[in-house]
Amino acid sequence: MIIISLDLHGKTHKEAEDEIEASLLSASSVGSFDMTIITGNSDAMKSRVVKVCEKYNFKYAYPVINPGVMNVTYFKL
């Protein structure tokens, strides 16, 4: 499994959404992955992550220990 981190600090919402989509699709083409996406405490950024994840059926979670990140997981069989 590949472990990846994506930091969205300094990105516009549109740039972030494009980068999230490209990163998730690229990683999924290689195989299973666990990606930590650093959103900061921006609900708007988190909603962009959710939008892309739901579009492509990626599983996502909000870790209790750090509300400024989201974890996205994909298992390729």
N, C-alpha and C. Protein backbone atom coordinates (compact mmCIF):
# COMPACT_ATOMS: atom_id res chain seq x y z
N MET A 1 0.85 -1.18 0.00
CA MET A 1 0.00 0.00 0.00
C MET A 1 0.89 1.24 0.00
N ILE A 2 0.53 2.20 -0.82
CA ILE A 2 1.25 3.47 -0.91
C ILE A 2 0.68 4.42 0.15
N ILE A 3 1.56 5.16 0.82
CA ILE A 3 1.15 6.18 1.78
C ILE A 3 1.55 7.53 1.22
N ILE A 4 0.57 8.42 1.10
CA ILE A 4 0.77 9.70 0.44
C ILE A 4 0.24 10.83 1.32
N SER A 5 0.84 12.01 1.18
CA SER A 5 0.34 13.19 1.88
C SER A 5 0.15 14.31 0.85
N LEU A 6 -0.93 15.04 0.99
CA LEU A 6 -1.23 16.16 0.10
C LEU A 6 -1.58 17.37 0.95
N ASP A 7 -0.82 18.45 0.81
CA ASP A 7 -1.04 19.67 1.59
C ASP A 7 -1.74 20.71 0.73
N LEU A 8 -2.91 21.16 1.16
CA LEU A 8 -3.70 22.12 0.37
C LEU A 8 -3.50 23.57 0.81
N HIS A 9 -2.64 23.79 1.79
CA HIS A 9 -2.39 25.17 2.23
C HIS A 9 -1.91 26.03 1.05
N GLY A 10 -2.43 27.23 0.94
CA GLY A 10 -2.03 28.16 -0.10
C GLY A 10 -2.74 27.97 -1.43
N LYS A 11 -3.60 26.97 -1.53
CA LYS A 11 -4.34 26.71 -2.77
C LYS A 11 -5.70 27.39 -2.73
N THR A 12 -6.17 27.83 -3.89
CA THR A 12 -7.55 28.29 -3.97
C THR A 12 -8.43 27.05 -3.90
N HIS A 13 -9.71 27.24 -3.68
CA HIS A 13 -10.62 26.09 -3.61
C HIS A 13 -10.63 25.33 -4.93
N LYS A 14 -10.61 26.02 -6.03
CA LYS A 14 -10.60 25.37 -7.35
C LYS A 14 -9.30 24.62 -7.58
N GLU A 15 -8.17 25.26 -7.25
CA GLU A 15 -6.87 24.58 -7.39
C GLU A 15 -6.83 23.32 -6.53
N ALA A 16 -7.34 23.45 -5.31
CA ALA A 16 -7.34 22.32 -4.38
C ALA A 16 -8.18 21.17 -4.94
N GLU A 17 -9.35 21.48 -5.43
CA GLU A 17 -10.23 20.42 -5.97
C GLU A 17 -9.57 19.72 -7.14
N ASP A 18 -8.95 20.49 -8.03
CA ASP A 18 -8.25 19.89 -9.18
C ASP A 18 -7.10 19.00 -8.72
N GLU A 19 -6.34 19.47 -7.73
CA GLU A 19 -5.20 18.70 -7.24
C GLU A 19 -5.66 17.45 -6.48
N ILE A 20 -6.72 17.56 -5.72
CA ILE A 20 -7.27 16.39 -5.01
C ILE A 20 -7.66 15.33 -6.03
N GLU A 21 -8.44 15.72 -7.03
CA GLU A 21 -8.91 14.77 -8.03
C GLU A 21 -7.74 14.12 -8.76
N ALA A 22 -6.78 14.92 -9.22
CA ALA A 22 -5.63 14.38 -9.95
C ALA A 22 -4.81 13.43 -9.08
N SER A 23 -4.59 13.81 -7.84
CA SER A 23 -3.78 12.99 -6.93
C SER A 23 -4.46 11.66 -6.60
N LEU A 24 -5.76 11.71 -6.32
CA LEU A 24 -6.48 10.48 -6.00
C LEU A 24 -6.56 9.54 -7.20
N LEU A 25 -6.84 10.07 -8.36
CA LEU A 25 -6.93 9.22 -9.55
C LEU A 25 -5.58 8.64 -9.93
N SER A 26 -4.53 9.44 -9.80
CA SER A 26 -3.19 8.96 -10.10
C SER A 26 -2.79 7.84 -9.15
N ALA A 27 -3.02 8.05 -7.86
CA ALA A 27 -2.67 7.03 -6.86
C ALA A 27 -3.48 5.76 -7.07
N SER A 28 -4.76 5.89 -7.39
CA SER A 28 -5.60 4.70 -7.56
C SER A 28 -5.22 3.90 -8.80
N SER A 29 -4.62 4.54 -9.78
CA SER A 29 -4.21 3.81 -10.98
C SER A 29 -3.00 2.92 -10.71
N VAL A 30 -2.25 3.24 -9.65
CA VAL A 30 -1.07 2.45 -9.28
C VAL A 30 -1.46 1.27 -8.39
N GLY A 31 -2.41 1.51 -7.48
CA GLY A 31 -2.83 0.45 -6.58
C GLY A 31 -3.47 1.01 -5.33
N SER A 32 -3.46 0.21 -4.26
CA SER A 32 -4.05 0.63 -2.99
C SER A 32 -3.24 1.77 -2.39
N PHE A 33 -3.94 2.67 -1.70
CA PHE A 33 -3.24 3.78 -1.07
C PHE A 33 -3.97 4.27 0.17
N ASP A 34 -3.24 4.99 0.98
CA ASP A 34 -3.77 5.71 2.13
C ASP A 34 -3.22 7.13 2.00
N MET A 35 -4.09 8.10 1.80
CA MET A 35 -3.66 9.48 1.59
C MET A 35 -4.14 10.37 2.73
N THR A 36 -3.23 11.12 3.29
CA THR A 36 -3.58 12.14 4.28
C THR A 36 -3.63 13.47 3.53
N ILE A 37 -4.79 14.11 3.57
CA ILE A 37 -4.96 15.41 2.91
C ILE A 37 -5.06 16.47 3.98
N ILE A 38 -4.12 17.41 3.94
CA ILE A 38 -4.07 18.48 4.93
C ILE A 38 -4.94 19.62 4.43
N THR A 39 -6.05 19.83 5.13
CA THR A 39 -7.03 20.85 4.73
C THR A 39 -6.96 22.09 5.60
N GLY A 40 -6.27 22.00 6.73
CA GLY A 40 -6.39 23.05 7.73
C GLY A 40 -7.78 22.94 8.32
N ASN A 41 -8.22 23.97 8.97
CA ASN A 41 -9.55 23.93 9.59
C ASN A 41 -10.63 24.51 8.69
N SER A 42 -10.41 24.45 7.40
CA SER A 42 -11.34 25.01 6.42
C SER A 42 -12.43 24.01 6.06
N ASP A 43 -13.65 24.33 6.44
CA ASP A 43 -14.78 23.48 6.06
C ASP A 43 -14.97 23.44 4.55
N ALA A 44 -14.64 24.55 3.88
CA ALA A 44 -14.77 24.60 2.42
C ALA A 44 -13.80 23.62 1.76
N MET A 45 -12.57 23.54 2.27
CA MET A 45 -11.59 22.60 1.72
C MET A 45 -12.03 21.17 1.99
N LYS A 46 -12.53 20.92 3.19
CA LYS A 46 -13.00 19.57 3.52
C LYS A 46 -14.15 19.16 2.60
N SER A 47 -15.03 20.11 2.30
CA SER A 47 -16.16 19.78 1.42
C SER A 47 -15.68 19.45 0.01
N ARG A 48 -14.58 20.06 -0.42
CA ARG A 48 -14.01 19.73 -1.74
C ARG A 48 -13.48 18.30 -1.75
N VAL A 49 -12.83 17.91 -0.67
CA VAL A 49 -12.32 16.53 -0.56
C VAL A 49 -13.49 15.55 -0.61
N VAL A 50 -14.52 15.83 0.16
CA VAL A 50 -15.70 14.96 0.20
C VAL A 50 -16.34 14.86 -1.18
N LYS A 51 -16.45 15.98 -1.87
CA LYS A 51 -17.06 16.01 -3.21
C LYS A 51 -16.33 15.06 -4.16
N VAL A 52 -15.00 15.16 -4.18
CA VAL A 52 -14.22 14.31 -5.09
C VAL A 52 -14.30 12.85 -4.65
N CYS A 53 -14.19 12.61 -3.35
CA CYS A 53 -14.25 11.23 -2.85
C CYS A 53 -15.58 10.56 -3.19
N GLU A 54 -16.66 11.28 -3.02
CA GLU A 54 -17.97 10.71 -3.33
C GLU A 54 -18.17 10.50 -4.83
N LYS A 55 -17.59 11.38 -5.63
CA LYS A 55 -17.68 11.24 -7.08
C LYS A 55 -17.04 9.94 -7.56
N TYR A 56 -15.92 9.56 -6.93
CA TYR A 56 -15.17 8.37 -7.37
C TYR A 56 -15.25 7.20 -6.37
N ASN A 57 -16.10 7.31 -5.37
CA ASN A 57 -16.30 6.25 -4.37
C ASN A 57 -15.05 5.92 -3.56
N PHE A 58 -14.24 6.93 -3.24
CA PHE A 58 -13.12 6.74 -2.32
C PHE A 58 -13.66 6.85 -0.90
N LYS A 59 -13.10 6.06 -0.01
CA LYS A 59 -13.49 6.11 1.41
C LYS A 59 -12.69 7.21 2.10
N TYR A 60 -13.37 7.99 2.94
CA TYR A 60 -12.68 9.08 3.65
C TYR A 60 -13.11 9.11 5.11
N ALA A 61 -12.26 9.70 5.93
CA ALA A 61 -12.55 9.79 7.36
C ALA A 61 -11.90 11.05 7.92
N TYR A 62 -12.47 11.51 9.02
CA TYR A 62 -11.95 12.67 9.75
C TYR A 62 -11.30 12.15 11.04
N PRO A 63 -9.98 12.17 11.15
CA PRO A 63 -9.36 11.67 12.37
C PRO A 63 -9.68 12.58 13.56
N VAL A 64 -10.03 11.99 14.67
CA VAL A 64 -10.38 12.75 15.87
C VAL A 64 -9.18 13.52 16.40
N ILE A 65 -8.01 12.93 16.26
CA ILE A 65 -6.81 13.50 16.85
C ILE A 65 -6.36 14.80 16.15
N ASN A 66 -6.71 14.98 14.86
CA ASN A 66 -6.28 16.17 14.11
C ASN A 66 -7.39 16.61 13.16
N PRO A 67 -8.18 17.61 13.55
CA PRO A 67 -9.29 18.05 12.70
C PRO A 67 -8.86 18.80 11.44
N GLY A 68 -7.57 19.05 11.28
CA GLY A 68 -7.08 19.76 10.10
C GLY A 68 -6.66 18.86 8.97
N VAL A 69 -6.96 17.57 9.08
CA VAL A 69 -6.63 16.63 8.02
C VAL A 69 -7.81 15.70 7.74
N MET A 70 -7.76 15.07 6.59
CA MET A 70 -8.70 14.01 6.24
C MET A 70 -7.89 12.84 5.70
N ASN A 71 -8.36 11.64 5.97
CA ASN A 71 -7.71 10.44 5.45
C ASN A 71 -8.59 9.84 4.36
N VAL A 72 -7.96 9.52 3.23
CA VAL A 72 -8.66 8.88 2.12
C VAL A 72 -7.98 7.55 1.86
N THR A 73 -8.78 6.50 1.74
CA THR A 73 -8.24 5.17 1.55
C THR A 73 -8.88 4.50 0.34
N TYR A 74 -8.04 3.76 -0.38
CA TYR A 74 -8.51 3.00 -1.53
C TYR A 74 -7.82 1.64 -1.53
N PHE A 75 -8.59 0.59 -1.64
CA PHE A 75 -8.04 -0.76 -1.71
C PHE A 75 -8.33 -1.34 -3.09
N LYS A 76 -7.28 -1.64 -3.81
CA LYS A 76 -7.42 -2.24 -5.14
C LYS A 76 -7.25 -3.74 -5.00
N LEU A 77 -8.23 -4.47 -5.45
CA LEU A 77 -8.16 -5.93 -5.35
C LEU A 77 -7.41 -6.53 -6.51
